[in-house]
N, C-alpha and C. Protein backbone atom coordinates (compact mmCIF):
# COMPACT_ATOMS: atom_id res chain seq x y z
N ASN A 1 104.49 138.94 31.21
CA ASN A 1 105.16 139.77 32.18
C ASN A 1 105.50 138.95 33.42
N HIS A 2 106.02 139.58 34.42
CA HIS A 2 106.43 138.85 35.63
C HIS A 2 105.27 138.25 36.42
N LYS A 3 104.04 138.69 36.11
CA LYS A 3 102.85 138.15 36.78
C LYS A 3 102.23 137.00 35.98
N GLY A 4 102.81 136.69 34.82
CA GLY A 4 102.28 135.63 33.98
C GLY A 4 101.13 136.07 33.09
N GLU A 5 100.91 137.39 32.98
CA GLU A 5 99.86 137.91 32.12
C GLU A 5 100.43 138.23 30.74
N TRP A 6 99.63 138.08 29.71
CA TRP A 6 100.11 138.40 28.37
C TRP A 6 100.24 139.91 28.22
N THR A 7 101.18 140.31 27.40
CA THR A 7 101.37 141.73 27.09
C THR A 7 101.21 141.99 25.60
N GLU A 8 101.29 140.92 24.80
CA GLU A 8 101.13 141.06 23.35
C GLU A 8 100.70 139.73 22.75
N VAL A 9 99.75 139.81 21.82
CA VAL A 9 99.33 138.65 21.05
C VAL A 9 99.30 139.10 19.60
N ASP A 10 100.05 138.42 18.74
CA ASP A 10 100.17 138.81 17.34
C ASP A 10 99.92 137.59 16.46
N CYS A 11 98.83 137.65 15.70
CA CYS A 11 98.50 136.55 14.79
C CYS A 11 98.82 136.91 13.34
N ILE A 12 99.55 137.99 13.13
CA ILE A 12 100.02 138.49 11.85
C ILE A 12 98.87 138.79 10.89
N THR A 13 98.30 137.79 10.25
CA THR A 13 97.23 138.05 9.29
C THR A 13 95.92 137.35 9.64
N HIS A 14 95.92 136.52 10.66
CA HIS A 14 94.71 135.81 11.07
C HIS A 14 94.07 136.53 12.26
N PRO A 15 92.77 136.50 12.38
CA PRO A 15 92.10 137.14 13.52
C PRO A 15 92.58 136.55 14.85
N LEU A 16 92.60 137.39 15.87
CA LEU A 16 92.96 136.93 17.21
C LEU A 16 91.92 135.93 17.71
N PRO A 17 92.33 135.00 18.55
CA PRO A 17 91.36 134.04 19.11
C PRO A 17 90.28 134.78 19.91
N GLU A 18 89.10 134.23 19.89
CA GLU A 18 87.99 134.82 20.64
C GLU A 18 88.34 134.90 22.12
N GLY A 19 88.00 136.01 22.73
CA GLY A 19 88.25 136.19 24.15
C GLY A 19 89.53 136.94 24.47
N VAL A 20 90.42 137.11 23.50
CA VAL A 20 91.67 137.84 23.75
C VAL A 20 91.41 139.33 23.82
N VAL A 21 90.59 139.84 22.90
CA VAL A 21 90.27 141.27 22.87
C VAL A 21 89.13 141.52 23.87
N PRO A 22 89.30 142.46 24.79
CA PRO A 22 88.21 142.77 25.74
C PRO A 22 86.92 143.11 25.01
N ALA A 23 85.80 142.72 25.59
CA ALA A 23 84.49 142.89 24.95
C ALA A 23 84.20 144.34 24.59
N ALA A 24 84.57 145.29 25.43
CA ALA A 24 84.31 146.71 25.15
C ALA A 24 85.07 147.17 23.90
N ILE A 25 86.29 146.70 23.73
CA ILE A 25 87.08 147.04 22.54
C ILE A 25 86.50 146.35 21.32
N GLU A 26 86.12 145.11 21.46
CA GLU A 26 85.51 144.36 20.36
C GLU A 26 84.24 145.05 19.89
N SER A 27 83.46 145.62 20.80
CA SER A 27 82.24 146.34 20.43
C SER A 27 82.53 147.56 19.57
N VAL A 28 83.58 148.29 19.91
CA VAL A 28 83.96 149.47 19.12
C VAL A 28 84.41 149.04 17.73
N ILE A 29 85.21 148.00 17.66
CA ILE A 29 85.67 147.49 16.37
C ILE A 29 84.48 147.07 15.51
N ASN A 30 83.55 146.32 16.09
CA ASN A 30 82.39 145.85 15.34
C ASN A 30 81.50 147.00 14.87
N ALA A 31 81.39 148.05 15.68
CA ALA A 31 80.53 149.18 15.33
C ALA A 31 81.13 150.05 14.23
N HIS A 32 82.44 150.28 14.29
CA HIS A 32 83.08 151.22 13.37
C HIS A 32 83.81 150.55 12.20
N TYR A 33 84.18 149.31 12.37
CA TYR A 33 84.92 148.57 11.34
C TYR A 33 84.33 147.17 11.23
N PRO A 34 83.07 147.06 10.78
CA PRO A 34 82.38 145.76 10.81
C PRO A 34 83.04 144.66 9.97
N ASP A 35 83.79 145.03 8.95
CA ASP A 35 84.43 144.02 8.11
C ASP A 35 85.86 143.71 8.53
N ALA A 36 86.36 144.38 9.56
CA ALA A 36 87.74 144.20 10.00
C ALA A 36 87.81 143.28 11.21
N LYS A 37 88.97 142.67 11.36
CA LYS A 37 89.24 141.79 12.50
C LYS A 37 90.54 142.22 13.16
N ALA A 38 90.61 142.10 14.47
CA ALA A 38 91.84 142.39 15.20
C ALA A 38 92.84 141.27 14.95
N VAL A 39 94.08 141.64 14.58
CA VAL A 39 95.12 140.66 14.33
C VAL A 39 96.28 140.79 15.32
N LYS A 40 96.32 141.90 16.07
CA LYS A 40 97.37 142.11 17.06
C LYS A 40 96.84 142.99 18.17
N ILE A 41 97.23 142.68 19.40
CA ILE A 41 96.88 143.51 20.54
C ILE A 41 98.08 143.57 21.48
N GLU A 42 98.34 144.75 21.98
CA GLU A 42 99.39 144.96 22.97
C GLU A 42 98.78 145.71 24.15
N VAL A 43 99.23 145.39 25.33
CA VAL A 43 98.72 146.08 26.52
C VAL A 43 99.91 146.48 27.38
N ASP A 44 99.81 147.67 27.95
CA ASP A 44 100.79 148.10 28.95
C ASP A 44 100.02 148.71 30.11
N ARG A 45 100.70 149.41 30.98
CA ARG A 45 100.05 149.94 32.18
C ARG A 45 98.98 150.98 31.87
N ARG A 46 99.09 151.66 30.72
CA ARG A 46 98.19 152.77 30.43
C ARG A 46 97.19 152.52 29.32
N GLU A 47 97.50 151.63 28.38
CA GLU A 47 96.63 151.53 27.22
C GLU A 47 96.71 150.19 26.49
N TYR A 48 95.74 150.01 25.59
CA TYR A 48 95.70 148.87 24.68
C TYR A 48 95.93 149.40 23.27
N ASP A 49 96.78 148.75 22.51
CA ASP A 49 96.97 149.06 21.10
C ASP A 49 96.48 147.86 20.30
N VAL A 50 95.58 148.12 19.36
CA VAL A 50 94.97 147.05 18.57
C VAL A 50 95.20 147.33 17.09
N LYS A 51 95.74 146.35 16.37
CA LYS A 51 95.93 146.47 14.93
C LYS A 51 94.89 145.60 14.24
N LEU A 52 94.23 146.19 13.25
CA LEU A 52 93.21 145.47 12.49
C LEU A 52 93.78 144.97 11.17
N ASN A 53 93.12 144.01 10.57
CA ASN A 53 93.61 143.46 9.30
C ASN A 53 93.44 144.42 8.13
N ASN A 54 92.82 145.57 8.33
CA ASN A 54 92.72 146.59 7.30
C ASN A 54 93.77 147.69 7.50
N ARG A 55 94.76 147.40 8.34
CA ARG A 55 95.91 148.26 8.63
C ARG A 55 95.58 149.46 9.53
N VAL A 56 94.38 149.54 10.05
CA VAL A 56 94.04 150.59 11.01
C VAL A 56 94.56 150.16 12.37
N GLU A 57 95.11 151.12 13.10
CA GLU A 57 95.57 150.85 14.46
C GLU A 57 94.79 151.73 15.42
N LEU A 58 94.24 151.12 16.45
CA LEU A 58 93.42 151.80 17.42
C LEU A 58 94.10 151.76 18.78
N THR A 59 93.98 152.85 19.52
CA THR A 59 94.52 152.91 20.88
C THR A 59 93.39 153.21 21.84
N PHE A 60 93.32 152.42 22.90
CA PHE A 60 92.29 152.56 23.92
C PHE A 60 92.96 152.78 25.27
N ASN A 61 92.34 153.61 26.12
CA ASN A 61 92.87 153.75 27.47
C ASN A 61 92.36 152.58 28.32
N LYS A 62 92.75 152.55 29.57
CA LYS A 62 92.37 151.44 30.44
C LYS A 62 90.88 151.41 30.76
N LYS A 63 90.17 152.52 30.46
CA LYS A 63 88.72 152.56 30.64
C LYS A 63 88.01 152.09 29.38
N MET A 64 88.78 151.53 28.43
CA MET A 64 88.29 151.00 27.16
C MET A 64 87.70 152.09 26.27
N GLN A 65 88.17 153.32 26.41
CA GLN A 65 87.73 154.43 25.56
C GLN A 65 88.73 154.60 24.43
N LEU A 66 88.23 154.75 23.21
CA LEU A 66 89.08 154.96 22.04
C LEU A 66 89.73 156.33 22.16
N ILE A 67 91.08 156.37 22.12
CA ILE A 67 91.77 157.64 22.28
C ILE A 67 92.60 158.02 21.07
N ASP A 68 92.84 157.09 20.13
CA ASP A 68 93.63 157.42 18.95
C ASP A 68 93.35 156.42 17.83
N ILE A 69 93.35 156.93 16.61
CA ILE A 69 93.21 156.10 15.41
C ILE A 69 94.37 156.44 14.49
N ASP A 70 95.06 155.42 14.03
CA ASP A 70 96.20 155.64 13.15
C ASP A 70 96.06 154.80 11.89
């Protein structure tokens, strides 16, 4: 974005590099999808969208609370 911050990281089929996914989101993924890895993350002003390698898509609000599963 105009501030030099990332808005999307997409590794297609490989797990995202360590440290890209916020720790609170990583904890939810590990607790509910222990065999899955995040392969894409998008962030905007209101939420984070995370795609896992098992085709599940998770949406988190800015407070890192899970608000939608697709």
